[in-house]
Protein backbone atom coordinates (compact mmCIF):
# COMPACT_ATOMS: atom_id res chain seq x y z
CA MET A 1 -79.31 22.58 -49.09
CA ASN A 2 -80.96 22.64 -45.72
CA GLU A 3 -78.94 20.32 -43.50
CA LEU A 4 -80.77 18.35 -40.86
CA ARG A 5 -79.32 16.08 -38.26
CA LEU A 6 -80.19 12.43 -38.98
CA GLY A 7 -82.35 12.21 -35.88
CA ASN A 8 -84.45 15.21 -36.88
CA GLN A 9 -84.87 13.78 -40.35
CA LEU A 10 -85.91 10.41 -38.97
CA GLU A 11 -88.51 12.00 -36.73
CA LYS A 12 -89.86 14.14 -39.56
CA LEU A 13 -90.13 11.17 -41.90
CA ARG A 14 -91.84 9.03 -39.24
CA GLU A 15 -94.37 11.77 -38.50
CA GLU A 16 -95.02 12.23 -42.26
CA GLN A 17 -95.93 8.51 -42.30
CA LYS A 18 -98.25 9.19 -39.30
CA MET A 19 -96.42 6.47 -37.45
CA SER A 20 -95.69 6.28 -33.71
CA GLN A 21 -92.25 5.51 -32.31
CA GLU A 22 -93.66 2.15 -31.21
CA GLU A 23 -94.82 1.31 -34.73
CA ALA A 24 -91.48 2.32 -36.20
CA ALA A 25 -89.59 0.29 -33.60
CA LYS A 26 -91.71 -2.79 -34.34
CA GLN A 27 -91.16 -2.50 -38.13
CA VAL A 28 -87.40 -2.00 -37.71
CA GLY A 29 -87.11 -4.69 -35.08
CA VAL A 30 -85.63 -2.56 -32.31
CA SER A 31 -86.83 -1.14 -28.99
CA VAL A 32 -88.65 2.16 -28.73
CA GLN A 33 -85.66 3.47 -26.83
CA HIS A 34 -83.54 2.99 -29.96
CA ILE A 35 -85.99 5.07 -32.03
CA HIS A 36 -86.09 7.73 -29.30
CA LYS A 37 -82.29 7.95 -29.11
CA TRP A 38 -81.92 8.07 -32.90
CA GLU A 39 -84.50 10.79 -33.21
CA ASN A 40 -82.96 12.85 -30.41
CA ASN A 41 -79.49 12.57 -32.01
CA GLN A 42 -78.16 10.64 -29.03
CA SER A 43 -76.95 7.76 -31.19
CA TYR A 44 -76.91 6.60 -34.78
CA PRO A 45 -78.66 3.55 -36.18
CA GLU A 46 -76.58 0.68 -37.50
CA ILE A 47 -76.44 0.31 -41.27
CA GLN A 48 -78.97 -2.53 -41.43
CA HIS A 49 -81.41 -0.38 -39.47
CA LEU A 50 -80.89 2.55 -41.76
CA LEU A 51 -81.70 0.29 -44.67
CA LYS A 52 -84.97 -0.78 -43.02
CA LEU A 53 -85.80 2.84 -42.12
CA GLY A 54 -85.17 3.85 -45.70
CA ASP A 55 -87.58 1.20 -46.93
CA ILE A 56 -90.23 2.21 -44.37
CA TYR A 57 -89.90 5.95 -45.03
CA GLY A 58 -89.38 5.69 -48.80
CA THR A 59 -85.89 7.16 -48.89
CA THR A 60 -82.29 5.97 -49.22
CA ILE A 61 -79.25 5.74 -47.01
CA ASP A 62 -77.64 8.21 -49.37
CA GLU A 63 -80.24 10.84 -48.51
CA PHE A 64 -79.86 10.15 -44.77
CA ILE A 65 -76.09 10.63 -44.94
CA LYS A 66 -76.18 13.66 -47.25
CA SER A 67 -78.45 15.55 -44.85
CA ASP A 68 -76.26 15.13 -41.74
CA ALA A 69 -72.83 16.75 -41.74
CA ALA A 70 -72.03 15.22 -38.31
CA LEU A 71 -72.72 11.73 -39.64
CA GLN A 72 -70.53 12.44 -42.71
CA SER A 73 -67.78 13.51 -40.37
CA ARG A 74 -68.06 10.27 -38.36
CA ILE A 75 -67.91 8.25 -41.55
CA ASN A 76 -64.73 10.07 -42.58
CA ILE A 77 -63.13 9.34 -39.21
CA ILE A 78 -64.03 5.64 -39.57
CA GLU A 79 -62.44 5.61 -43.08
CA GLU A 80 -59.28 7.27 -41.72
CA GLU A 81 -59.07 4.68 -38.96
CA LYS A 82 -59.38 1.89 -41.58
CA GLU A 83 -56.50 3.45 -43.52
CA ASP A 84 -54.42 3.62 -40.33
CA ASP A 85 -55.06 -0.09 -39.71
CA ASP A 86 -53.21 -0.85 -42.91
CA GLU A 87 -49.94 0.27 -41.35
CA LEU A 88 -47.78 -2.78 -40.65
CA LEU A 89 -45.38 -1.27 -38.16
CA HIS A 90 -47.28 1.12 -35.90
CA PRO A 91 -45.75 2.83 -32.82
CA GLY A 92 -47.03 0.02 -30.55
CA PHE A 93 -44.82 -2.44 -32.35
CA TYR A 94 -41.72 -0.38 -31.56
CA ILE A 95 -42.82 0.26 -27.96
CA GLY A 96 -43.42 -3.44 -27.43
CA ILE A 97 -40.02 -4.44 -28.88
CA GLY A 98 -38.36 -1.75 -26.76
CA ILE A 99 -39.96 -3.12 -23.60
CA MET A 100 -38.83 -6.65 -24.47
CA PHE A 101 -35.27 -5.48 -25.04
CA LEU A 102 -35.31 -3.43 -21.84
CA GLY A 103 -36.52 -6.45 -19.87
CA THR A 104 -33.85 -8.68 -21.33
CA PHE A 105 -31.15 -6.09 -20.56
CA LEU A 106 -32.37 -5.63 -16.98
CA SER A 107 -32.48 -9.38 -16.40
CA LEU A 108 -28.84 -9.66 -17.51
CA ILE A 109 -27.81 -6.91 -15.08
CA ILE A 110 -29.94 -8.08 -12.17
CA GLY A 111 -29.85 -11.78 -12.92
CA ASN A 112 -33.60 -12.30 -12.50
CA LEU A 113 -35.33 -14.28 -15.31
CA THR A 114 -38.77 -13.29 -14.02
CA ILE A 115 -38.17 -9.76 -15.25
CA THR A 116 -37.43 -11.07 -18.72
CA MET A 117 -40.53 -13.20 -18.78
CA VAL A 118 -42.86 -10.43 -17.52
CA THR A 119 -41.44 -7.73 -19.79
CA ASN A 120 -41.43 -10.02 -22.83
CA ILE A 121 -45.09 -10.87 -22.28
CA ALA A 122 -45.97 -7.17 -21.69
CA GLY A 123 -44.00 -6.18 -24.79
CA MET A 124 -45.65 -8.77 -27.00
CA LEU A 125 -49.11 -7.72 -25.79
CA ILE A 126 -48.38 -4.07 -26.48
CA ALA A 127 -46.89 -4.86 -29.88
CA CYS A 128 -49.89 -6.95 -30.88
CA PHE A 129 -52.72 -5.09 -29.28
CA TYR A 130 -51.50 -1.46 -29.27
CA LYS A 131 -54.36 -0.07 -31.35
CA GLY A 132 -56.94 -2.03 -29.38
CA ILE A 133 -55.48 -0.72 -26.14
CA LEU A 134 -55.62 2.88 -27.48
CA LYS A 135 -59.19 2.42 -28.60
CA LEU A 136 -60.16 1.00 -25.22
CA LEU A 137 -58.56 3.95 -23.42
CA LYS A 138 -60.29 6.46 -25.76
CA ASP A 139 -63.62 4.77 -25.15
CA ILE A 140 -63.10 4.87 -21.37
CA LYS A 141 -62.18 8.56 -21.58
CA LYS A 142 -65.24 9.28 -23.78
CA ASP A 143 -67.56 7.39 -21.39
CA PHE A 144 -66.04 9.24 -18.42
CA TYR A 145 -66.65 12.67 -19.92
CA GLU A 146 -70.14 11.80 -21.16
CA GLN A 147 -71.23 10.71 -17.66
CA GLY A 148 -69.52 13.63 -15.88
């Protein structure tokens, strides 16, 4: 099977319909820049846009996905992340609890309750939002390398 990137496939299908990017954008309900980025493999359309594109071009999401190995890989990563979210006690939970205990221990030695309060708040935030913090840091790193 000849594998095409999704963007190349979208461009080919649009041209087969003898449609401009402007016309496609209007029918999908997005800007021309979205169509341009999708067709140049700079980003992927959201699922609802893929559905509309499938209707416009007479194909299915299944065909879009099957033709793009990179898109399949991204979908697999998303599925793995969802499975990871099912973990009840992730490393951030243990890190957060450890920080809270450390702060309590230090406040007993030093005698400063402010340390306990600050470390308990920091520990609770880490325990609760560990995965969100990691995702934020990964996104920042990704943005940094894409711009550099």
